[in-house]
Structure formats: structure tokens, C-alpha cells
Amino acid sequence: FLELRLGDDYRHFRNSGLDGDRMQLYRLAMYLSLVAGPLRLLDGD
């Protein structure tokens, strides 16, 4: 979430001890939710 929200400024919070596979999975989940949520909004007016 911080990576997505802060963009280039995330470098100040980067942590080498994080699990890369989990990061990749959670990135995918976050991106998919940012497709699904807005599409639901577009169903209405």
C-alpha cells in the first residue's frame, strides 16, 4: 500500500527483510481491487 501510495518516495520506507513473494501477491491483489472497485462505481451514474 505504501509503495502504491507514495510512488518514488517509498524508497524512504523500503525494507529488505520483506518477503518478495508476498509482496508480489499483495501487489496483484491491490491492483485487481483497484480495477474491480472503480468498475463497480461505473455500473451506476
All heavy atoms as atom14 arrays in JSON, in Angstrom:
{
  "sequence": "FLELRLGDDYRHFRNSGLDGDRMQLYRLAMYLSLVAGPLRLLDGD",
  "atom14_mask": [
    [1, 1, 1, 1, 1, 1, 1, 1, 1, 1, 1, 0, 0, 0],
    [1, 1, 1, 1, 1, 1, 1, 1, 0, 0, 0, 0, 0, 0],
    [1, 1, 1, 1, 1, 1, 1, 1, 1, 0, 0, 0, 0, 0],
    [1, 1, 1, 1, 1, 1, 1, 1, 0, 0, 0, 0, 0, 0],
    [1, 1, 1, 1, 1, 1, 1, 1, 1, 1, 1, 0, 0, 0],
    [1, 1, 1, 1, 1, 1, 1, 1, 0, 0, 0, 0, 0, 0],
    [1, 1, 1, 1, 0, 0, 0, 0, 0, 0, 0, 0, 0, 0],
    [1, 1, 1, 1, 1, 1, 1, 1, 0, 0, 0, 0, 0, 0],
    [1, 1, 1, 1, 1, 1, 1, 1, 0, 0, 0, 0, 0, 0],
    [1, 1, 1, 1, 1, 1, 1, 1, 1, 1, 1, 1, 0, 0],
    [1, 1, 1, 1, 1, 1, 1, 1, 1, 1, 1, 0, 0, 0],
    [1, 1, 1, 1, 1, 1, 1, 1, 1, 1, 0, 0, 0, 0],
    [1, 1, 1, 1, 1, 1, 1, 1, 1, 1, 1, 0, 0, 0],
    [1, 1, 1, 1, 1, 1, 1, 1, 1, 1, 1, 0, 0, 0],
    [1, 1, 1, 1, 1, 1, 1, 1, 0, 0, 0, 0, 0, 0],
    [1, 1, 1, 1, 1, 1, 0, 0, 0, 0, 0, 0, 0, 0],
    [1, 1, 1, 1, 0, 0, 0, 0, 0, 0, 0, 0, 0, 0],
    [1, 1, 1, 1, 1, 1, 1, 1, 0, 0, 0, 0, 0, 0],
    [1, 1, 1, 1, 1, 1, 1, 1, 0, 0, 0, 0, 0, 0],
    [1, 1, 1, 1, 0, 0, 0, 0, 0, 0, 0, 0, 0, 0],
    [1, 1, 1, 1, 1, 1, 1, 1, 0, 0, 0, 0, 0, 0],
    [1, 1, 1, 1, 1, 1, 1, 1, 1, 1, 1, 0, 0, 0],
    [1, 1, 1, 1, 1, 1, 1, 1, 0, 0, 0, 0, 0, 0],
    [1, 1, 1, 1, 1, 1, 1, 1, 1, 0, 0, 0, 0, 0],
    [1, 1, 1, 1, 1, 1, 1, 1, 0, 0, 0, 0, 0, 0],
    [1, 1, 1, 1, 1, 1, 1, 1, 1, 1, 1, 1, 0, 0],
    [1, 1, 1, 1, 1, 1, 1, 1, 1, 1, 1, 0, 0, 0],
    [1, 1, 1, 1, 1, 1, 1, 1, 0, 0, 0, 0, 0, 0],
    [1, 1, 1, 1, 1, 0, 0, 0, 0, 0, 0, 0, 0, 0],
    [1, 1, 1, 1, 1, 1, 1, 1, 0, 0, 0, 0, 0, 0],
    [1, 1, 1, 1, 1, 1, 1, 1, 1, 1, 1, 1, 0, 0],
    [1, 1, 1, 1, 1, 1, 1, 1, 0, 0, 0, 0, 0, 0],
    [1, 1, 1, 1, 1, 1, 0, 0, 0, 0, 0, 0, 0, 0],
    [1, 1, 1, 1, 1, 1, 1, 1, 0, 0, 0, 0, 0, 0],
    [1, 1, 1, 1, 1, 1, 1, 0, 0, 0, 0, 0, 0, 0],
    [1, 1, 1, 1, 1, 0, 0, 0, 0, 0, 0, 0, 0, 0],
    [1, 1, 1, 1, 0, 0, 0, 0, 0, 0, 0, 0, 0, 0],
    [1, 1, 1, 1, 1, 1, 1, 0, 0, 0, 0, 0, 0, 0],
    [1, 1, 1, 1, 1, 1, 1, 1, 0, 0, 0, 0, 0, 0],
    [1, 1, 1, 1, 1, 1, 1, 1, 1, 1, 1, 0, 0, 0],
    [1, 1, 1, 1, 1, 1, 1, 1, 0, 0, 0, 0, 0, 0],
    [1, 1, 1, 1, 1, 1, 1, 1, 0, 0, 0, 0, 0, 0],
    [1, 1, 1, 1, 1, 1, 1, 1, 0, 0, 0, 0, 0, 0],
    [1, 1, 1, 1, 0, 0, 0, 0, 0, 0, 0, 0, 0, 0],
    [1, 1, 1, 1, 1, 1, 1, 1, 0, 0, 0, 0, 0, 0]
  ],
  "atom14_positions": [
    [[0.84, -1.2, 0.0], [0.0, 0.0, 0.0], [0.87, 1.26, 0.0], [0.64, 2.19, -0.77], [-0.94, 0.0, 1.21], [-1.91, 1.15, 1.18], [-3.07, 1.08, 0.45], [-1.64, 2.31, 1.9], [-3.96, 2.14, 0.41], [-2.52, 3.38, 1.87], [-3.69, 3.29, 1.13], [0.0, 0.0, 0.0], [0.0, 0.0, 0.0], [0.0, 0.0, 0.0]],
    [[1.9, 1.28, 0.85], [2.81, 2.43, 0.9], [3.5, 2.64, -0.44], [3.64, 3.78, -0.91], [3.86, 2.24, 2.0], [3.4, 2.47, 3.42], [4.46, 1.96, 4.4], [3.09, 3.94, 3.67], [0.0, 0.0, 0.0], [0.0, 0.0, 0.0], [0.0, 0.0, 0.0], [0.0, 0.0, 0.0], [0.0, 0.0, 0.0], [0.0, 0.0, 0.0]],
    [[3.94, 1.57, -1.04], [4.61, 1.62, -2.34], [3.7, 2.26, -3.39], [4.12, 3.14, -4.15], [4.98, 0.19, -2.72], [5.75, 0.01, -3.98], [5.99, -1.47, -4.23], [5.05, -2.22, -4.55], [7.15, -1.89, -4.07], [0.0, 0.0, 0.0], [0.0, 0.0, 0.0], [0.0, 0.0, 0.0], [0.0, 0.0, 0.0], [0.0, 0.0, 0.0]],
    [[2.46, 1.82, -3.42], [1.5, 2.36, -4.38], [1.17, 3.82, -4.07], [1.13, 4.66, -4.95], [0.22, 1.51, -4.36], [-0.87, 1.9, -5.33], [-0.4, 1.68, -6.77], [-2.12, 1.09, -5.07], [0.0, 0.0, 0.0], [0.0, 0.0, 0.0], [0.0, 0.0, 0.0], [0.0, 0.0, 0.0], [0.0, 0.0, 0.0], [0.0, 0.0, 0.0]],
    [[0.97, 4.11, -2.81], [0.54, 5.44, -2.4], [1.65, 6.49, -2.51], [1.41, 7.62, -2.9], [0.04, 5.39, -0.97], [-0.54, 6.69, -0.51], [-1.32, 6.49, 0.73], [-2.25, 7.58, 0.87], [-2.99, 7.77, 1.92], [-2.97, 6.9, 2.9], [-3.78, 8.79, 2.01], [0.0, 0.0, 0.0], [0.0, 0.0, 0.0], [0.0, 0.0, 0.0]],
    [[2.88, 6.11, -2.17], [3.97, 7.08, -2.11], [4.81, 7.17, -3.38], [5.58, 8.11, -3.54], [4.88, 6.76, -0.93], [4.22, 6.8, 0.45], [5.21, 6.39, 1.52], [3.62, 8.18, 0.74], [0.0, 0.0, 0.0], [0.0, 0.0, 0.0], [0.0, 0.0, 0.0], [0.0, 0.0, 0.0], [0.0, 0.0, 0.0], [0.0, 0.0, 0.0]],
    [[4.68, 6.19, -4.26], [5.46, 6.22, -5.5], [6.95, 6.25, -5.23], [7.47, 5.47, -4.44], [0.0, 0.0, 0.0], [0.0, 0.0, 0.0], [0.0, 0.0, 0.0], [0.0, 0.0, 0.0], [0.0, 0.0, 0.0], [0.0, 0.0, 0.0], [0.0, 0.0, 0.0], [0.0, 0.0, 0.0], [0.0, 0.0, 0.0], [0.0, 0.0, 0.0]],
    [[7.66, 7.2, -5.82], [9.12, 7.3, -5.66], [9.54, 7.53, -4.22], [10.64, 7.14, -3.82], [9.68, 8.42, -6.54], [9.59, 8.11, -8.02], [9.51, 6.92, -8.38], [9.61, 9.06, -8.82], [0.0, 0.0, 0.0], [0.0, 0.0, 0.0], [0.0, 0.0, 0.0], [0.0, 0.0, 0.0], [0.0, 0.0, 0.0], [0.0, 0.0, 0.0]],
    [[8.7, 8.17, -3.43], [9.05, 8.44, -2.03], [9.02, 7.18, -1.16], [9.49, 7.22, -0.02], [8.12, 9.5, -1.43], [8.39, 10.87, -2.02], [9.56, 11.14, -2.38], [7.45, 11.67, -2.12], [0.0, 0.0, 0.0], [0.0, 0.0, 0.0], [0.0, 0.0, 0.0], [0.0, 0.0, 0.0], [0.0, 0.0, 0.0], [0.0, 0.0, 0.0]],
    [[8.52, 6.08, -1.7], [8.52, 4.83, -0.94], [9.95, 4.4, -0.59], [10.16, 3.72, 0.41], [7.8, 3.71, -1.7], [7.93, 2.38, -1.01], [7.26, 2.12, 0.17], [8.76, 1.39, -1.52], [7.4, 0.9, 0.83], [8.91, 0.18, -0.88], [8.22, -0.06, 0.29], [8.37, -1.26, 0.94], [0.0, 0.0, 0.0], [0.0, 0.0, 0.0]],
    [[10.93, 4.85, -1.35], [12.32, 4.44, -1.11], [12.76, 4.72, 0.32], [13.62, 4.04, 0.86], [13.26, 5.12, -2.11], [13.42, 6.6, -1.91], [14.3, 7.23, -3.0], [14.53, 8.63, -2.76], [13.66, 9.61, -3.02], [12.48, 9.33, -3.56], [13.96, 10.86, -2.78], [0.0, 0.0, 0.0], [0.0, 0.0, 0.0], [0.0, 0.0, 0.0]],
    [[12.14, 5.7, 0.98], [12.48, 6.02, 2.36], [11.97, 4.96, 3.35], [12.4, 4.94, 4.49], [11.9, 7.39, 2.75], [12.38, 8.5, 1.88], [13.69, 8.95, 1.9], [11.74, 9.24, 0.95], [13.82, 9.93, 1.03], [12.66, 10.13, 0.44], [0.0, 0.0, 0.0], [0.0, 0.0, 0.0], [0.0, 0.0, 0.0], [0.0, 0.0, 0.0]],
    [[11.05, 4.12, 2.91], [10.44, 3.12, 3.78], [10.8, 1.69, 3.39], [10.4, 0.75, 4.07], [8.92, 3.28, 3.77], [8.47, 4.62, 4.23], [8.24, 5.64, 3.32], [8.32, 4.89, 5.58], [7.85, 6.89, 3.76], [7.93, 6.13, 6.02], [7.7, 7.15, 5.1], [0.0, 0.0, 0.0], [0.0, 0.0, 0.0], [0.0, 0.0, 0.0]],
    [[11.51, 1.55, 2.29], [11.86, 0.22, 1.78], [12.5, -0.61, 2.88], [13.29, -0.12, 3.68], [12.8, 0.36, 0.59], [12.93, -0.9, -0.23], [13.67, -0.67, -1.53], [13.2, 0.45, -2.32], [12.14, 0.4, -3.14], [11.45, -0.7, -3.26], [11.79, 1.47, -3.83], [0.0, 0.0, 0.0], [0.0, 0.0, 0.0], [0.0, 0.0, 0.0]],
    [[12.15, -1.89, 2.9], [12.64, -2.79, 3.94], [13.12, -4.07, 3.25], [12.32, -4.8, 2.65], [11.5, -3.1, 4.91], [11.88, -4.02, 6.02], [12.79, -4.82, 5.9], [11.15, -3.93, 7.12], [0.0, 0.0, 0.0], [0.0, 0.0, 0.0], [0.0, 0.0, 0.0], [0.0, 0.0, 0.0], [0.0, 0.0, 0.0], [0.0, 0.0, 0.0]],
    [[14.4, -4.35, 3.33], [14.96, -5.52, 2.64], [14.55, -6.84, 3.28], [14.75, -7.9, 2.7], [16.49, -5.42, 2.58], [17.02, -5.42, 3.89], [0.0, 0.0, 0.0], [0.0, 0.0, 0.0], [0.0, 0.0, 0.0], [0.0, 0.0, 0.0], [0.0, 0.0, 0.0], [0.0, 0.0, 0.0], [0.0, 0.0, 0.0], [0.0, 0.0, 0.0]],
    [[13.95, -6.79, 4.47], [13.56, -8.02, 5.16], [12.18, -8.53, 4.79], [11.7, -9.5, 5.37], [0.0, 0.0, 0.0], [0.0, 0.0, 0.0], [0.0, 0.0, 0.0], [0.0, 0.0, 0.0], [0.0, 0.0, 0.0], [0.0, 0.0, 0.0], [0.0, 0.0, 0.0], [0.0, 0.0, 0.0], [0.0, 0.0, 0.0], [0.0, 0.0, 0.0]],
    [[11.53, -7.89, 3.83], [10.17, -8.31, 3.45], [10.21, -9.51, 2.5], [11.16, -9.68, 1.74], [9.43, -7.14, 2.78], [9.26, -5.91, 3.66], [8.63, -4.78, 2.85], [8.41, -6.22, 4.88], [0.0, 0.0, 0.0], [0.0, 0.0, 0.0], [0.0, 0.0, 0.0], [0.0, 0.0, 0.0], [0.0, 0.0, 0.0], [0.0, 0.0, 0.0]],
    [[9.16, -10.3, 2.53], [9.03, -11.48, 1.68], [8.63, -11.04, 0.27], [7.52, -10.54, 0.07], [7.99, -12.42, 2.28], [7.85, -13.72, 1.52], [7.66, -13.68, 0.28], [7.89, -14.78, 2.16], [0.0, 0.0, 0.0], [0.0, 0.0, 0.0], [0.0, 0.0, 0.0], [0.0, 0.0, 0.0], [0.0, 0.0, 0.0], [0.0, 0.0, 0.0]],
    [[9.51, -11.23, -0.69], [9.27, -10.81, -2.06], [8.07, -11.47, -2.71], [7.34, -10.84, -3.47], [0.0, 0.0, 0.0], [0.0, 0.0, 0.0], [0.0, 0.0, 0.0], [0.0, 0.0, 0.0], [0.0, 0.0, 0.0], [0.0, 0.0, 0.0], [0.0, 0.0, 0.0], [0.0, 0.0, 0.0], [0.0, 0.0, 0.0], [0.0, 0.0, 0.0]],
    [[7.84, -12.76, -2.42], [6.7, -13.46, -3.0], [5.39, -12.9, -2.46], [4.42, -12.72, -3.2], [6.77, -14.96, -2.7], [7.89, -15.65, -3.47], [8.31, -15.13, -4.53], [8.34, -16.71, -3.01], [0.0, 0.0, 0.0], [0.0, 0.0, 0.0], [0.0, 0.0, 0.0], [0.0, 0.0, 0.0], [0.0, 0.0, 0.0], [0.0, 0.0, 0.0]],
    [[5.35, -12.61, -1.15], [4.15, -11.99, -0.59], [3.92, -10.6, -1.17], [2.8, -10.22, -1.45], [4.25, -11.89, 0.93], [4.04, -13.19, 1.62], [4.04, -13.02, 3.1], [3.97, -14.33, 3.71], [3.94, -14.54, 4.99], [3.98, -13.53, 5.83], [3.88, -15.77, 5.47], [0.0, 0.0, 0.0], [0.0, 0.0, 0.0], [0.0, 0.0, 0.0]],
    [[4.98, -9.84, -1.33], [4.85, -8.5, -1.91], [4.23, -8.61, -3.3], [3.32, -7.85, -3.63], [6.22, -7.82, -1.99], [6.84, -7.45, -0.67], [6.1, -6.02, 0.12], [6.69, -4.69, -0.92], [0.0, 0.0, 0.0], [0.0, 0.0, 0.0], [0.0, 0.0, 0.0], [0.0, 0.0, 0.0], [0.0, 0.0, 0.0], [0.0, 0.0, 0.0]],
    [[4.7, -9.55, -4.08], [4.17, -9.72, -5.44], [2.69, -10.12, -5.41], [1.88, -9.59, -6.16], [5.0, -10.75, -6.19], [4.69, -10.81, -7.66], [5.68, -11.68, -8.42], [6.53, -12.36, -7.83], [5.58, -11.67, -9.72], [0.0, 0.0, 0.0], [0.0, 0.0, 0.0], [0.0, 0.0, 0.0], [0.0, 0.0, 0.0], [0.0, 0.0, 0.0]],
    [[2.34, -11.06, -4.53], [0.95, -11.48, -4.41], [0.06, -10.33, -3.96], [-1.01, -10.09, -4.54], [0.83, -12.63, -3.41], [-0.59, -13.08, -3.07], [-1.29, -13.64, -4.3], [-0.59, -14.06, -1.93], [0.0, 0.0, 0.0], [0.0, 0.0, 0.0], [0.0, 0.0, 0.0], [0.0, 0.0, 0.0], [0.0, 0.0, 0.0], [0.0, 0.0, 0.0]],
    [[0.49, -9.58, -2.95], [-0.32, -8.47, -2.44], [-0.4, -7.32, -3.43], [-1.42, -6.63, -3.5], [0.21, -8.01, -1.08], [0.06, -9.06, -0.01], [0.94, -9.1, 1.07], [-0.94, -10.03, -0.06], [0.81, -10.05, 2.06], [-1.06, -11.0, 0.91], [-0.19, -11.0, 1.98], [-0.32, -11.96, 2.95], [0.0, 0.0, 0.0], [0.0, 0.0, 0.0]],
    [[0.65, -7.11, -4.22], [0.58, -6.11, -5.28], [-0.51, -6.48, -6.27], [-1.33, -5.65, -6.67], [1.93, -6.03, -6.01], [2.69, -4.81, -5.73], [3.96, -4.74, -6.59], [5.06, -4.5, -5.69], [6.03, -5.33, -5.41], [6.11, -6.51, -6.0], [6.96, -5.01, -4.55], [0.0, 0.0, 0.0], [0.0, 0.0, 0.0], [0.0, 0.0, 0.0]],
    [[-0.5, -7.75, -6.68], [-1.51, -8.23, -7.63], [-2.91, -8.05, -7.04], [-3.81, -7.55, -7.72], [-1.25, -9.69, -7.99], [-2.21, -10.33, -8.98], [-2.21, -9.59, -10.3], [-1.86, -11.8, -9.18], [0.0, 0.0, 0.0], [0.0, 0.0, 0.0], [0.0, 0.0, 0.0], [0.0, 0.0, 0.0], [0.0, 0.0, 0.0], [0.0, 0.0, 0.0]],
    [[-3.1, -8.43, -5.79], [-4.41, -8.27, -5.14], [-4.83, -6.81, -5.08], [-5.99, -6.47, -5.33], [-4.36, -8.86, -3.73], [0.0, 0.0, 0.0], [0.0, 0.0, 0.0], [0.0, 0.0, 0.0], [0.0, 0.0, 0.0], [0.0, 0.0, 0.0], [0.0, 0.0, 0.0], [0.0, 0.0, 0.0], [0.0, 0.0, 0.0], [0.0, 0.0, 0.0]],
    [[-3.9, -5.93, -4.77], [-4.21, -4.5, -4.69], [-4.6, -3.95, -6.06], [-5.57, -3.23, -6.19], [-3.03, -3.73, -4.1], [-3.32, -2.3, -3.87], [-3.2, -1.6, -2.22], [-2.64, -2.78, -1.1], [0.0, 0.0, 0.0], [0.0, 0.0, 0.0], [0.0, 0.0, 0.0], [0.0, 0.0, 0.0], [0.0, 0.0, 0.0], [0.0, 0.0, 0.0]],
    [[-3.82, -4.31, -7.08], [-4.13, -3.83, -8.42], [-5.49, -4.33, -8.88], [-6.28, -3.57, -9.47], [-3.06, -4.27, -9.42], [-1.67, -3.72, -9.17], [-0.56, -4.36, -9.67], [-1.46, -2.57, -8.41], [0.73, -3.88, -9.45], [-0.17, -2.09, -8.18], [0.9, -2.75, -8.71], [2.17, -2.27, -8.49], [0.0, 0.0, 0.0], [0.0, 0.0, 0.0]],
    [[-5.79, -5.6, -8.62], [-7.09, -6.14, -9.02], [-8.23, -5.44, -8.29], [-9.28, -5.17, -8.88], [-7.14, -7.65, -8.76], [-6.31, -8.5, -9.74], [-6.27, -9.94, -9.26], [-6.86, -8.4, -11.16], [0.0, 0.0, 0.0], [0.0, 0.0, 0.0], [0.0, 0.0, 0.0], [0.0, 0.0, 0.0], [0.0, 0.0, 0.0], [0.0, 0.0, 0.0]],
    [[-8.03, -5.11, -7.02], [-9.08, -4.4, -6.29], [-9.27, -2.99, -6.84], [-10.37, -2.45, -6.81], [-8.79, -4.37, -4.79], [-7.74, -3.47, -4.5], [0.0, 0.0, 0.0], [0.0, 0.0, 0.0], [0.0, 0.0, 0.0], [0.0, 0.0, 0.0], [0.0, 0.0, 0.0], [0.0, 0.0, 0.0], [0.0, 0.0, 0.0], [0.0, 0.0, 0.0]],
    [[-8.19, -2.41, -7.38], [-8.29, -1.07, -7.96], [-8.8, -1.1, -9.4], [-8.96, -0.06, -10.03], [-6.92, -0.38, -7.89], [-6.52, 0.03, -6.47], [-5.07, 0.45, -6.42], [-7.43, 1.12, -5.94], [0.0, 0.0, 0.0], [0.0, 0.0, 0.0], [0.0, 0.0, 0.0], [0.0, 0.0, 0.0], [0.0, 0.0, 0.0], [0.0, 0.0, 0.0]],
    [[-9.08, -2.28, -9.9], [-9.83, -2.44, -11.14], [-11.29, -2.7, -10.8], [-12.19, -2.03, -11.29], [-9.27, -3.6, -12.01], [-10.19, -3.9, -13.18], [-7.86, -3.27, -12.5], [0.0, 0.0, 0.0], [0.0, 0.0, 0.0], [0.0, 0.0, 0.0], [0.0, 0.0, 0.0], [0.0, 0.0, 0.0], [0.0, 0.0, 0.0], [0.0, 0.0, 0.0]],
    [[-11.52, -3.65, -9.9], [-12.89, -4.07, -9.58], [-13.7, -2.95, -8.92], [-14.86, -2.73, -9.29], [-12.86, -5.3, -8.67], [0.0, 0.0, 0.0], [0.0, 0.0, 0.0], [0.0, 0.0, 0.0], [0.0, 0.0, 0.0], [0.0, 0.0, 0.0], [0.0, 0.0, 0.0], [0.0, 0.0, 0.0], [0.0, 0.0, 0.0], [0.0, 0.0, 0.0]],
    [[-13.11, -2.26, -7.94], [-13.84, -1.22, -7.22], [-14.34, -0.11, -8.14], [-15.54, 0.2, -8.16], [0.0, 0.0, 0.0], [0.0, 0.0, 0.0], [0.0, 0.0, 0.0], [0.0, 0.0, 0.0], [0.0, 0.0, 0.0], [0.0, 0.0, 0.0], [0.0, 0.0, 0.0], [0.0, 0.0, 0.0], [0.0, 0.0, 0.0], [0.0, 0.0, 0.0]],
    [[-13.46, 0.49, -8.93], [-13.91, 1.54, -9.84], [-14.92, 1.04, -10.88], [-15.83, 1.77, -11.26], [-12.62, 2.01, -10.51], [-11.57, 1.75, -9.49], [-11.99, 0.46, -8.83], [0.0, 0.0, 0.0], [0.0, 0.0, 0.0], [0.0, 0.0, 0.0], [0.0, 0.0, 0.0], [0.0, 0.0, 0.0], [0.0, 0.0, 0.0], [0.0, 0.0, 0.0]],
    [[-14.77, -0.2, -11.34], [-15.74, -0.73, -12.31], [-17.13, -0.83, -11.69], [-18.13, -0.59, -12.36], [-15.29, -2.1, -12.85], [-14.15, -2.05, -13.86], [-13.73, -3.47, -14.26], [-14.52, -1.24, -15.09], [0.0, 0.0, 0.0], [0.0, 0.0, 0.0], [0.0, 0.0, 0.0], [0.0, 0.0, 0.0], [0.0, 0.0, 0.0], [0.0, 0.0, 0.0]],
    [[-17.2, -1.17, -10.39], [-18.5, -1.2, -9.71], [-19.11, 0.2, -9.68], [-20.32, 0.35, -9.84], [-18.36, -1.77, -8.31], [-18.26, -3.28, -8.26], [-18.42, -3.83, -6.85], [-17.37, -3.41, -5.95], [-16.19, -4.01, -5.8], [-15.9, -5.06, -6.54], [-15.3, -3.56, -4.95], [0.0, 0.0, 0.0], [0.0, 0.0, 0.0], [0.0, 0.0, 0.0]],
    [[-18.29, 1.21, -9.46], [-18.8, 2.59, -9.47], [-19.39, 2.95, -10.82], [-20.38, 3.67, -10.92], [-17.68, 3.57, -9.12], [-17.19, 3.59, -7.7], [-16.0, 4.54, -7.57], [-18.29, 3.99, -6.74], [0.0, 0.0, 0.0], [0.0, 0.0, 0.0], [0.0, 0.0, 0.0], [0.0, 0.0, 0.0], [0.0, 0.0, 0.0], [0.0, 0.0, 0.0]],
    [[-18.75, 2.46, -11.87], [-19.19, 2.79, -13.23], [-20.48, 2.1, -13.63], [-21.09, 2.45, -14.64], [-18.08, 2.49, -14.24], [-16.85, 3.37, -14.1], [-15.75, 2.89, -15.04], [-17.19, 4.83, -14.35], [0.0, 0.0, 0.0], [0.0, 0.0, 0.0], [0.0, 0.0, 0.0], [0.0, 0.0, 0.0], [0.0, 0.0, 0.0], [0.0, 0.0, 0.0]],
    [[-20.93, 1.11, -12.85], [-22.22, 0.46, -13.12], [-23.38, 1.42, -12.91], [-24.44, 1.25, -13.5], [-22.42, -0.76, -12.21], [-21.69, -1.98, -12.71], [-21.28, -1.98, -13.89], [-21.52, -2.93, -11.93], [0.0, 0.0, 0.0], [0.0, 0.0, 0.0], [0.0, 0.0, 0.0], [0.0, 0.0, 0.0], [0.0, 0.0, 0.0], [0.0, 0.0, 0.0]],
    [[-23.18, 2.41, -12.08], [-24.24, 3.39, -11.79], [-23.99, 4.68, -12.54], [-23.37, 4.72, -13.6], [0.0, 0.0, 0.0], [0.0, 0.0, 0.0], [0.0, 0.0, 0.0], [0.0, 0.0, 0.0], [0.0, 0.0, 0.0], [0.0, 0.0, 0.0], [0.0, 0.0, 0.0], [0.0, 0.0, 0.0], [0.0, 0.0, 0.0], [0.0, 0.0, 0.0]],
    [[-24.47, 5.75, -11.96], [-24.33, 7.06, -12.6], [-23.24, 7.9, -11.93], [-23.38, 9.1, -11.74], [-25.67, 7.8, -12.59], [-26.22, 8.01, -11.19], [-25.68, 7.42, -10.22], [-27.2, 8.76, -11.06], [0.0, 0.0, 0.0], [0.0, 0.0, 0.0], [0.0, 0.0, 0.0], [0.0, 0.0, 0.0], [0.0, 0.0, 0.0], [0.0, 0.0, 0.0]]
  ]
}
